[in-house]
Amino acid sequence: MSAIIVTPAADADMEDIHAIECASFSLPWTQGQLLRELYGEDSYFSVARDTERGDILGYVILREIGYEAELMNIAAREASRRRGVASALMRDVIEHARNVGIANIFLEARASNAAALRLYEKHGFMRVGQRRGYYDCPHEDAVIMKLDI
């Protein structure tokens, strides 16, 4: 795989983003929900691309709420996992948060998703709580994590 570049998401990316969403989550967002985030005033939505082919390798959505933000979704194409895509997206979203004055980023992750929890901890997130029965399909607890910027 060639290098990764992170750029703002666009309308033309939605089909690929939605395909990654559907392959990554048991209850995926619709294209309409993704488009609402793309055009939301309080959303930051970016994609990771292969610099040679331009293919979308992953995406991240951050929703800003005053001086705080919530990491809504982050996902990488299955064939691109464990190649630095998610870390590139995390670095981008954290840099964006710093640039706009966000003080904290929160997120929820499935308690069983060890790879995601490792990714978040690698980027400085700390476990701050738990939401019992937060997820469906399968029914599972969420770990609440926080990053102080």
Protein backbone atom coordinates (compact mmCIF):
# COMPACT_ATOMS: atom_id res chain seq x y z
CA MET A 1 0.00 0.00 0.00
CA SER A 2 1.24 3.48 -0.80
CA ALA A 3 1.07 6.45 1.53
CA ILE A 4 -2.09 7.71 3.22
CA ILE A 5 -3.46 11.24 2.99
CA VAL A 6 -6.40 12.54 5.03
CA THR A 7 -8.76 14.97 3.28
CA PRO A 8 -12.24 16.37 3.92
CA ALA A 9 -15.05 13.99 2.92
CA ALA A 10 -17.22 14.92 -0.07
CA ASP A 11 -20.52 13.89 -1.67
CA ALA A 12 -18.66 11.81 -4.23
CA ASP A 13 -17.15 9.72 -1.39
CA MET A 14 -20.47 8.63 0.12
CA GLU A 15 -20.85 5.34 -1.73
CA ASP A 16 -17.41 4.17 -0.58
CA ILE A 17 -17.90 5.52 2.94
CA HIS A 18 -21.25 3.77 3.23
CA ALA A 19 -19.72 0.49 2.02
CA ILE A 20 -17.04 0.76 4.74
CA GLU A 21 -19.74 1.65 7.30
CA CYS A 22 -21.83 -1.41 6.37
CA ALA A 23 -18.83 -3.74 6.51
CA SER A 24 -17.69 -2.35 9.87
CA PHE A 25 -20.79 -2.04 12.05
CA SER A 26 -23.64 -4.39 12.94
CA LEU A 27 -26.13 -1.49 12.80
CA PRO A 28 -24.68 0.77 10.11
CA TRP A 29 -25.73 4.33 9.48
CA THR A 30 -27.69 5.05 6.31
CA GLN A 31 -26.26 7.18 3.51
CA GLY A 32 -28.73 9.87 4.60
CA GLN A 33 -27.33 9.88 8.13
CA LEU A 34 -23.80 10.10 6.78
CA LEU A 35 -24.77 12.98 4.50
CA ARG A 36 -26.31 14.84 7.44
CA GLU A 37 -22.95 14.58 9.20
CA LEU A 38 -21.12 15.72 6.05
CA TYR A 39 -23.19 18.90 5.93
CA GLY A 40 -23.69 19.36 9.67
CA GLU A 41 -22.39 22.66 11.01
CA ASP A 42 -21.10 20.87 14.10
CA SER A 43 -19.46 17.95 12.26
CA TYR A 44 -15.92 17.32 11.11
CA PHE A 45 -15.85 14.50 8.54
CA SER A 46 -12.67 13.32 6.83
CA VAL A 47 -11.45 10.37 4.79
CA ALA A 48 -8.13 8.57 4.46
CA ARG A 49 -7.08 8.00 0.86
CA ASP A 50 -4.42 5.95 -0.84
CA THR A 51 -2.14 8.57 -2.40
CA GLU A 52 -1.47 6.53 -5.56
CA ARG A 53 -4.94 5.29 -6.44
CA GLY A 54 -7.10 7.80 -4.56
CA ASP A 55 -9.17 4.97 -3.04
CA ILE A 56 -10.91 5.71 0.22
CA LEU A 57 -9.38 3.55 2.94
CA GLY A 58 -11.37 4.82 5.92
CA TYR A 59 -13.23 7.73 7.47
CA VAL A 60 -13.82 9.54 10.75
CA ILE A 61 -16.68 11.72 12.01
CA LEU A 62 -16.33 14.10 14.95
CA ARG A 63 -19.29 16.06 16.29
CA GLU A 64 -18.40 19.30 18.08
CA ILE A 65 -20.49 20.49 21.02
CA GLY A 66 -19.11 23.74 22.44
CA TYR A 67 -15.65 23.03 23.85
CA GLU A 68 -16.21 19.28 23.75
CA ALA A 69 -16.54 16.80 20.92
CA GLU A 70 -17.71 13.25 20.43
CA LEU A 71 -16.00 10.83 18.09
CA MET A 72 -19.06 9.46 16.35
CA ASN A 73 -17.55 6.93 13.93
CA ILE A 74 -14.17 5.78 12.74
CA ALA A 75 -13.71 2.86 10.38
CA ALA A 76 -11.20 1.47 7.91
CA ARG A 77 -11.77 -0.72 4.88
CA GLU A 78 -11.13 -4.32 5.98
CA ALA A 79 -8.27 -4.80 3.50
CA SER A 80 -6.60 -1.65 4.90
CA ARG A 81 -6.78 -2.48 8.59
CA ARG A 82 -3.58 -2.71 10.62
CA ARG A 83 -1.79 -0.47 8.12
CA GLY A 84 -2.04 2.87 9.92
CA VAL A 85 -5.29 4.13 8.40
CA ALA A 86 -7.14 4.53 11.70
CA SER A 87 -4.11 6.14 13.34
CA ALA A 88 -3.84 8.64 10.48
CA LEU A 89 -7.52 9.48 10.94
CA MET A 90 -7.09 9.78 14.73
CA ARG A 91 -4.12 12.13 14.35
CA ASP A 92 -6.13 14.26 11.91
CA VAL A 93 -9.20 14.52 14.11
CA ILE A 94 -7.14 15.31 17.24
CA GLU A 95 -5.23 18.01 15.34
CA HIS A 96 -8.52 19.48 14.12
CA ALA A 97 -9.88 19.51 17.68
CA ARG A 98 -6.78 21.36 18.90
CA ASN A 99 -7.06 23.89 16.08
CA VAL A 100 -10.68 24.78 16.87
CA GLY A 101 -10.26 24.93 20.65
CA ILE A 102 -11.90 21.66 21.68
CA ALA A 103 -10.93 20.79 25.26
CA ASN A 104 -12.07 17.15 25.37
CA ILE A 105 -13.07 14.39 22.98
CA PHE A 106 -15.36 11.61 24.21
CA LEU A 107 -16.29 8.31 22.59
CA GLU A 108 -17.98 5.00 23.27
CA ALA A 109 -16.52 1.69 22.15
CA ARG A 110 -17.76 -1.87 22.44
CA ALA A 111 -16.25 -3.46 25.53
CA SER A 112 -15.20 -6.47 23.41
CA ASN A 113 -13.51 -4.39 20.68
CA ALA A 114 -9.94 -4.80 21.90
CA ALA A 115 -8.42 -3.41 18.68
CA ALA A 116 -10.44 -0.18 18.93
CA LEU A 117 -9.69 0.20 22.64
CA ARG A 118 -5.95 -0.21 21.93
CA LEU A 119 -6.15 2.38 19.14
CA TYR A 120 -7.85 4.92 21.38
CA GLU A 121 -5.45 4.31 24.27
CA LYS A 122 -2.49 4.63 21.87
CA HIS A 123 -3.76 8.13 21.03
CA GLY A 124 -4.13 9.17 24.66
CA PHE A 125 -7.76 8.33 25.45
CA MET A 126 -8.47 7.18 29.00
CA ARG A 127 -11.31 4.93 30.16
CA VAL A 128 -13.68 7.05 32.25
CA GLY A 129 -16.85 4.96 32.53
CA GLN A 130 -19.17 2.33 31.17
CA ARG A 131 -22.68 2.28 29.70
CA ARG A 132 -24.40 -1.01 30.47
CA GLY A 133 -26.30 -2.53 27.55
CA TYR A 134 -25.48 0.41 25.26
CA TYR A 135 -25.10 -1.63 22.07
CA ASP A 136 -27.46 -3.98 20.26
CA CYS A 137 -26.64 -6.73 17.75
CA PRO A 138 -25.09 -8.08 19.89
CA HIS A 139 -26.23 -6.61 23.19
CA GLU A 140 -23.11 -5.29 24.89
CA ASP A 141 -21.70 -2.68 27.25
CA ALA A 142 -19.83 0.38 26.02
CA VAL A 143 -16.59 1.70 27.42
CA ILE A 144 -16.65 5.50 27.68
CA MET A 145 -13.32 7.12 26.88
CA LYS A 146 -12.05 10.68 27.07
CA LEU A 147 -9.09 12.59 25.65
CA ASP A 148 -8.05 15.87 27.22
CA ILE A 149 -6.64 18.09 24.46
